[in-house]
Amino acid sequence: MSQTSTASESDRKFDVKIPDKASNSCLRLVSFNVNGVKTLKSYYPWNEIPKYNDMLTFMKADVVTFQELKLQRGDIDYSIADLPDYKSFITIPKTRKGYSGVGVFVRIPNDTDNDEYKESLKVVRMTWM
């Protein structure tokens, strides 16, 4: 007898189980002080999830923030800046190389999200004067 699984591929791969959101009308915000994005992949479960997009999807989060990325412009590549399921926003300090920096990742709504939810995940671009 074969068993049909409804768990996502991420859930089947890893021991950590992140509960589903209470309802489809709530947003999940996850925030980490990573003390350098390069160290992030040294810790479980991220050391077993090779791609940033998969890492964020595994967290079942709508918005993820990383503080203290400690990146310089040359450290940013498509693996963190151009994710298929998230819009990426990364700040880099101008004066102190490799100091602080923040990454904000906002999930791109899909067809199954209701209109109110899609509006909640809408990114509005601000222009500074």
N, C-alpha and C. Protein backbone atom coordinates (compact mmCIF):
# COMPACT_ATOMS: atom_id res chain seq x y z
N MET A 1 0.84 -1.17 0.00
CA MET A 1 0.00 0.00 0.00
C MET A 1 0.90 1.24 0.00
N SER A 2 0.70 2.10 -0.97
CA SER A 2 1.52 3.30 -1.04
C SER A 2 0.88 4.39 -0.20
N GLN A 3 1.73 5.20 0.36
CA GLN A 3 1.26 6.29 1.20
C GLN A 3 1.41 7.61 0.45
N THR A 4 0.35 8.40 0.40
CA THR A 4 0.39 9.68 -0.26
C THR A 4 0.74 10.74 0.76
N SER A 5 1.73 11.56 0.44
CA SER A 5 2.17 12.60 1.36
C SER A 5 1.77 13.96 0.83
N THR A 6 1.28 14.80 1.74
CA THR A 6 0.94 16.17 1.34
C THR A 6 1.99 17.15 1.83
N ALA A 7 3.00 16.67 2.52
CA ALA A 7 4.06 17.56 3.02
C ALA A 7 4.88 18.09 1.86
N SER A 8 5.35 19.32 2.01
CA SER A 8 6.19 19.89 0.97
C SER A 8 7.54 19.19 0.95
N GLU A 9 8.27 19.34 -0.15
CA GLU A 9 9.57 18.71 -0.27
C GLU A 9 10.51 19.18 0.82
N SER A 10 10.44 20.46 1.18
CA SER A 10 11.29 20.98 2.25
C SER A 10 11.01 20.26 3.56
N ASP A 11 9.73 20.03 3.88
CA ASP A 11 9.39 19.35 5.13
C ASP A 11 9.89 17.92 5.15
N ARG A 12 9.93 17.25 4.01
CA ARG A 12 10.38 15.86 3.97
C ARG A 12 11.89 15.76 4.14
N LYS A 13 12.62 16.79 3.73
CA LYS A 13 14.08 16.75 3.77
C LYS A 13 14.65 16.99 5.15
N PHE A 14 13.97 17.77 6.00
CA PHE A 14 14.57 18.24 7.23
C PHE A 14 13.75 17.82 8.44
N ASP A 15 14.43 17.65 9.55
CA ASP A 15 13.79 17.24 10.78
C ASP A 15 12.95 18.34 11.41
N VAL A 16 13.34 19.58 11.20
CA VAL A 16 12.63 20.69 11.81
C VAL A 16 11.27 20.84 11.14
N LYS A 17 10.24 20.96 11.95
CA LYS A 17 8.90 21.17 11.42
C LYS A 17 8.43 22.54 11.84
N ILE A 18 8.21 23.39 10.89
CA ILE A 18 7.70 24.72 11.16
C ILE A 18 6.20 24.67 10.95
N PRO A 19 5.44 25.04 11.98
CA PRO A 19 3.98 24.93 11.85
C PRO A 19 3.43 25.86 10.78
N ASP A 20 2.33 25.44 10.20
CA ASP A 20 1.65 26.28 9.24
C ASP A 20 1.10 27.52 9.96
N LYS A 21 0.82 28.55 9.19
CA LYS A 21 0.23 29.75 9.78
C LYS A 21 -1.17 29.43 10.28
N ALA A 22 -1.62 30.20 11.27
CA ALA A 22 -2.94 29.96 11.86
C ALA A 22 -4.07 30.09 10.85
N SER A 23 -3.89 31.01 9.90
CA SER A 23 -4.89 31.18 8.85
C SER A 23 -4.22 31.80 7.63
N ASN A 24 -4.94 31.78 6.52
CA ASN A 24 -4.41 32.37 5.30
C ASN A 24 -4.48 33.89 5.32
N SER A 25 -5.08 34.45 6.35
CA SER A 25 -5.17 35.91 6.42
C SER A 25 -4.08 36.52 7.31
N CYS A 26 -3.17 35.71 7.85
CA CYS A 26 -2.06 36.25 8.66
C CYS A 26 -0.78 36.24 7.85
N LEU A 27 0.04 37.25 8.13
CA LEU A 27 1.38 37.30 7.54
C LEU A 27 2.37 36.78 8.58
N ARG A 28 3.37 36.05 8.12
CA ARG A 28 4.42 35.59 9.03
C ARG A 28 5.69 36.37 8.74
N LEU A 29 6.19 37.03 9.78
CA LEU A 29 7.43 37.80 9.70
C LEU A 29 8.47 37.05 10.53
N VAL A 30 9.63 36.80 9.92
CA VAL A 30 10.73 36.12 10.59
C VAL A 30 11.94 37.03 10.52
N SER A 31 12.62 37.21 11.64
CA SER A 31 13.76 38.11 11.67
C SER A 31 14.93 37.44 12.40
N PHE A 32 16.14 37.59 11.83
CA PHE A 32 17.34 37.00 12.40
C PHE A 32 18.47 38.02 12.42
N ASN A 33 19.24 38.01 13.50
CA ASN A 33 20.51 38.72 13.53
C ASN A 33 21.54 37.65 13.19
N VAL A 34 22.07 37.70 11.97
CA VAL A 34 22.89 36.59 11.47
C VAL A 34 24.38 36.77 11.73
N ASN A 35 24.80 37.96 12.16
CA ASN A 35 26.21 38.21 12.44
C ASN A 35 27.10 37.80 11.26
N GLY A 36 26.67 38.19 10.07
CA GLY A 36 27.41 37.87 8.85
C GLY A 36 26.70 36.79 8.06
N VAL A 37 26.25 37.12 6.87
CA VAL A 37 25.48 36.16 6.06
C VAL A 37 26.32 34.93 5.72
N LYS A 38 27.62 35.08 5.68
CA LYS A 38 28.48 33.94 5.36
C LYS A 38 28.46 32.90 6.47
N THR A 39 28.17 33.31 7.70
CA THR A 39 28.11 32.35 8.81
C THR A 39 26.76 31.65 8.89
N LEU A 40 25.75 32.21 8.24
CA LEU A 40 24.40 31.65 8.31
C LEU A 40 24.37 30.18 7.93
N LYS A 41 25.08 29.82 6.89
CA LYS A 41 25.05 28.44 6.42
C LYS A 41 25.90 27.49 7.26
N SER A 42 26.43 27.99 8.38
CA SER A 42 27.17 27.13 9.30
C SER A 42 26.25 26.53 10.36
N TYR A 43 25.00 26.97 10.40
CA TYR A 43 24.07 26.54 11.44
C TYR A 43 22.90 25.77 10.86
N TYR A 44 22.41 24.80 11.64
CA TYR A 44 21.24 24.01 11.27
C TYR A 44 20.00 24.88 11.41
N PRO A 45 19.04 24.81 10.55
CA PRO A 45 18.92 23.92 9.39
C PRO A 45 19.52 24.50 8.11
N TRP A 46 20.05 25.73 8.20
CA TRP A 46 20.52 26.39 6.99
C TRP A 46 21.73 25.71 6.38
N ASN A 47 22.48 24.98 7.16
CA ASN A 47 23.64 24.29 6.59
C ASN A 47 23.22 23.12 5.70
N GLU A 48 21.97 22.75 5.75
CA GLU A 48 21.47 21.65 4.91
C GLU A 48 20.58 22.16 3.76
N ILE A 49 20.39 23.46 3.70
CA ILE A 49 19.55 24.04 2.65
C ILE A 49 20.45 24.91 1.78
N PRO A 50 20.83 24.44 0.61
CA PRO A 50 21.86 25.11 -0.18
C PRO A 50 21.46 26.45 -0.79
N LYS A 51 20.19 26.68 -1.06
CA LYS A 51 19.79 27.89 -1.77
C LYS A 51 18.97 28.80 -0.85
N TYR A 52 19.19 30.11 -0.99
CA TYR A 52 18.48 31.07 -0.16
C TYR A 52 16.97 30.99 -0.37
N ASN A 53 16.52 30.84 -1.60
CA ASN A 53 15.08 30.75 -1.86
C ASN A 53 14.47 29.57 -1.12
N ASP A 54 15.14 28.42 -1.15
CA ASP A 54 14.65 27.23 -0.44
C ASP A 54 14.66 27.47 1.07
N MET A 55 15.66 28.19 1.55
CA MET A 55 15.77 28.49 2.97
C MET A 55 14.58 29.33 3.43
N LEU A 56 14.25 30.36 2.66
CA LEU A 56 13.14 31.23 3.02
C LEU A 56 11.80 30.49 2.91
N THR A 57 11.65 29.68 1.88
CA THR A 57 10.43 28.90 1.71
C THR A 57 10.25 27.91 2.85
N PHE A 58 11.34 27.31 3.30
CA PHE A 58 11.32 26.36 4.41
C PHE A 58 10.75 27.01 5.67
N MET A 59 11.00 28.30 5.87
CA MET A 59 10.53 29.00 7.06
C MET A 59 9.04 29.33 6.99
N LYS A 60 8.43 29.11 5.84
CA LYS A 60 7.00 29.41 5.64
C LYS A 60 6.69 30.85 6.00
N ALA A 61 7.60 31.74 5.62
CA ALA A 61 7.47 33.15 5.98
C ALA A 61 7.08 33.99 4.78
N ASP A 62 6.38 35.07 5.08
CA ASP A 62 6.01 36.02 4.03
C ASP A 62 7.04 37.14 3.94
N VAL A 63 7.59 37.52 5.07
CA VAL A 63 8.63 38.54 5.12
C VAL A 63 9.75 38.02 6.02
N VAL A 64 10.98 38.06 5.52
CA VAL A 64 12.14 37.62 6.29
C VAL A 64 13.14 38.76 6.31
N THR A 65 13.68 39.05 7.49
CA THR A 65 14.72 40.07 7.58
C THR A 65 15.97 39.45 8.19
N PHE A 66 17.11 39.83 7.66
CA PHE A 66 18.41 39.45 8.22
C PHE A 66 19.14 40.74 8.58
N GLN A 67 19.56 40.85 9.84
CA GLN A 67 20.35 42.00 10.26
C GLN A 67 21.81 41.60 10.34
N GLU A 68 22.67 42.58 10.21
CA GLU A 68 24.12 42.40 10.27
C GLU A 68 24.62 41.42 9.21
N LEU A 69 24.26 41.69 7.97
CA LEU A 69 24.71 40.84 6.86
C LEU A 69 26.22 40.88 6.68
N LYS A 70 26.81 42.02 6.99
CA LYS A 70 28.26 42.22 6.85
C LYS A 70 28.73 41.91 5.43
N LEU A 71 28.06 42.53 4.48
CA LEU A 71 28.37 42.35 3.06
C LEU A 71 28.98 43.61 2.48
N GLN A 72 29.75 43.41 1.46
CA GLN A 72 30.20 44.51 0.62
C GLN A 72 29.54 44.30 -0.74
N ARG A 73 29.54 45.33 -1.55
CA ARG A 73 28.86 45.24 -2.86
C ARG A 73 29.32 44.01 -3.65
N GLY A 74 30.60 43.72 -3.65
CA GLY A 74 31.13 42.59 -4.40
C GLY A 74 30.71 41.23 -3.88
N ASP A 75 30.20 41.18 -2.63
CA ASP A 75 29.75 39.92 -2.04
C ASP A 75 28.35 39.53 -2.48
N ILE A 76 27.60 40.48 -3.02
CA ILE A 76 26.21 40.21 -3.39
C ILE A 76 26.17 39.60 -4.78
N ASP A 77 25.53 38.45 -4.87
CA ASP A 77 25.37 37.80 -6.17
C ASP A 77 23.91 37.39 -6.35
N TYR A 78 23.61 36.80 -7.47
CA TYR A 78 22.23 36.43 -7.77
C TYR A 78 21.66 35.41 -6.80
N SER A 79 22.49 34.63 -6.13
CA SER A 79 21.98 33.60 -5.22
C SER A 79 21.21 34.20 -4.05
N ILE A 80 21.51 35.44 -3.68
CA ILE A 80 20.80 36.09 -2.58
C ILE A 80 19.96 37.27 -3.07
N ALA A 81 20.30 37.85 -4.19
CA ALA A 81 19.64 39.07 -4.65
C ALA A 81 18.51 38.83 -5.64
N ASP A 82 18.49 37.71 -6.31
CA ASP A 82 17.49 37.46 -7.35
C ASP A 82 16.83 36.10 -7.09
N LEU A 83 15.88 36.09 -6.16
CA LEU A 83 15.22 34.85 -5.77
C LEU A 83 13.90 34.69 -6.52
N PRO A 84 13.57 33.48 -6.94
CA PRO A 84 12.35 33.31 -7.73
C PRO A 84 11.05 33.56 -6.96
N ASP A 85 11.04 33.34 -5.64
CA ASP A 85 9.80 33.46 -4.88
C ASP A 85 9.76 34.67 -3.94
N TYR A 86 10.83 35.45 -3.91
CA TYR A 86 10.92 36.59 -2.98
C TYR A 86 11.52 37.80 -3.69
N LYS A 87 11.05 38.98 -3.30
CA LYS A 87 11.70 40.22 -3.72
C LYS A 87 12.77 40.52 -2.68
N SER A 88 13.96 40.85 -3.12
CA SER A 88 15.09 41.07 -2.22
C SER A 88 15.45 42.55 -2.14
N PHE A 89 15.70 43.00 -0.92
CA PHE A 89 16.15 44.36 -0.67
C PHE A 89 17.32 44.27 0.29
N ILE A 90 18.49 44.74 -0.14
CA ILE A 90 19.70 44.60 0.66
C ILE A 90 20.35 45.97 0.78
N THR A 91 20.69 46.36 2.01
CA THR A 91 21.40 47.62 2.23
C THR A 91 22.85 47.32 2.55
N ILE A 92 23.71 48.21 2.08
CA ILE A 92 25.15 48.09 2.32
C ILE A 92 25.63 49.44 2.83
N PRO A 93 26.32 49.46 3.95
CA PRO A 93 26.83 50.74 4.45
C PRO A 93 27.82 51.36 3.47
N LYS A 94 27.76 52.68 3.31
CA LYS A 94 28.66 53.37 2.39
C LYS A 94 30.04 53.62 3.00
N THR A 95 30.09 53.86 4.30
CA THR A 95 31.35 54.29 4.89
C THR A 95 32.17 53.18 5.54
N ARG A 96 31.53 52.22 6.14
CA ARG A 96 32.26 51.15 6.84
C ARG A 96 32.08 49.84 6.10
N LYS A 97 33.08 49.42 5.36
CA LYS A 97 32.99 48.20 4.55
C LYS A 97 32.74 46.99 5.44
N GLY A 98 31.79 46.15 5.02
CA GLY A 98 31.50 44.92 5.74
C GLY A 98 30.82 45.12 7.08
N TYR A 99 30.32 46.33 7.34
CA TYR A 99 29.69 46.63 8.62
C TYR A 99 28.18 46.57 8.47
N SER A 100 27.53 45.86 9.35
CA SER A 100 26.08 45.76 9.41
C SER A 100 25.46 45.40 8.06
N GLY A 101 24.46 46.15 7.65
CA GLY A 101 23.72 45.83 6.44
C GLY A 101 22.50 44.98 6.78
N VAL A 102 21.43 45.20 6.05
CA VAL A 102 20.17 44.52 6.31
C VAL A 102 19.64 43.94 5.01
N GLY A 103 19.05 42.76 5.10
CA GLY A 103 18.36 42.16 3.97
C GLY A 103 16.90 41.96 4.32
N VAL A 104 16.01 42.38 3.43
CA VAL A 104 14.58 42.17 3.61
C VAL A 104 14.09 41.40 2.40
N PHE A 105 13.38 40.33 2.65
CA PHE A 105 12.89 39.45 1.59
C PHE A 105 11.38 39.32 1.74
N VAL A 106 10.65 39.73 0.70
CA VAL A 106 9.20 39.73 0.73
C VAL A 106 8.70 38.70 -0.29
N ARG A 107 7.88 37.77 0.21
CA ARG A 107 7.37 36.71 -0.66
C ARG A 107 6.51 37.30 -1.77
N ILE A 108 6.71 36.81 -2.97
CA ILE A 108 5.89 37.21 -4.12
C ILE A 108 4.59 36.42 -4.04
N PRO A 109 3.44 37.10 -3.97
CA PRO A 109 2.17 36.38 -3.85
C PRO A 109 1.95 35.43 -5.03
N ASN A 110 1.21 34.37 -4.76
CA ASN A 110 0.90 33.42 -5.83
C ASN A 110 -0.60 33.45 -6.13
N ASP A 111 -1.02 32.67 -7.09
CA ASP A 111 -2.41 32.68 -7.55
C ASP A 111 -3.40 32.24 -6.48
N THR A 112 -2.97 31.46 -5.49
CA THR A 112 -3.89 30.98 -4.47
C THR A 112 -4.10 31.99 -3.34
N ASP A 113 -3.30 33.05 -3.28
CA ASP A 113 -3.47 34.09 -2.26
C ASP A 113 -4.67 34.97 -2.62
N ASN A 114 -5.45 35.35 -1.60
CA ASN A 114 -6.59 36.23 -1.88
C ASN A 114 -6.10 37.66 -2.13
N ASP A 115 -6.98 38.50 -2.64
CA ASP A 115 -6.60 39.87 -3.03
C ASP A 115 -6.10 40.69 -1.85
N GLU A 116 -6.73 40.54 -0.70
CA GLU A 116 -6.31 41.29 0.49
C GLU A 116 -4.88 40.90 0.89
N TYR A 117 -4.61 39.63 0.81
CA TYR A 117 -3.28 39.12 1.15
C TYR A 117 -2.23 39.62 0.16
N LYS A 118 -2.59 39.59 -1.13
CA LYS A 118 -1.69 40.09 -2.16
C LYS A 118 -1.38 41.57 -1.93
N GLU A 119 -2.38 42.32 -1.53
CA GLU A 119 -2.17 43.75 -1.26
C GLU A 119 -1.23 43.93 -0.07
N SER A 120 -1.31 43.06 0.92
CA SER A 120 -0.44 43.14 2.10
C SER A 120 1.02 42.89 1.75
N LEU A 121 1.26 42.10 0.71
CA LEU A 121 2.63 41.78 0.30
C LEU A 121 3.14 42.70 -0.81
N LYS A 122 2.34 43.67 -1.17
CA LYS A 122 2.73 44.60 -2.23
C LYS A 122 3.89 45.47 -1.76
N VAL A 123 4.90 45.59 -2.56
CA VAL A 123 6.06 46.41 -2.24
C VAL A 123 5.89 47.75 -2.95
N VAL A 124 5.96 48.82 -2.17
CA VAL A 124 5.83 50.16 -2.70
C VAL A 124 7.21 50.79 -2.69
N ARG A 125 7.63 51.30 -3.80
CA ARG A 125 8.96 51.90 -3.91
C ARG A 125 8.90 53.35 -3.46
N MET A 126 9.83 53.68 -2.59
CA MET A 126 9.92 55.06 -2.11
C MET A 126 11.14 55.71 -2.73
N THR A 127 11.00 56.95 -3.09
CA THR A 127 12.12 57.73 -3.62
C THR A 127 12.46 58.79 -2.59
N TRP A 128 13.71 58.82 -2.18
CA TRP A 128 14.15 59.80 -1.19
C TRP A 128 14.45 61.12 -1.88
N MET A 129 14.05 62.18 -1.28
CA MET A 129 14.27 63.53 -1.82
C MET A 129 15.66 64.01 -1.47
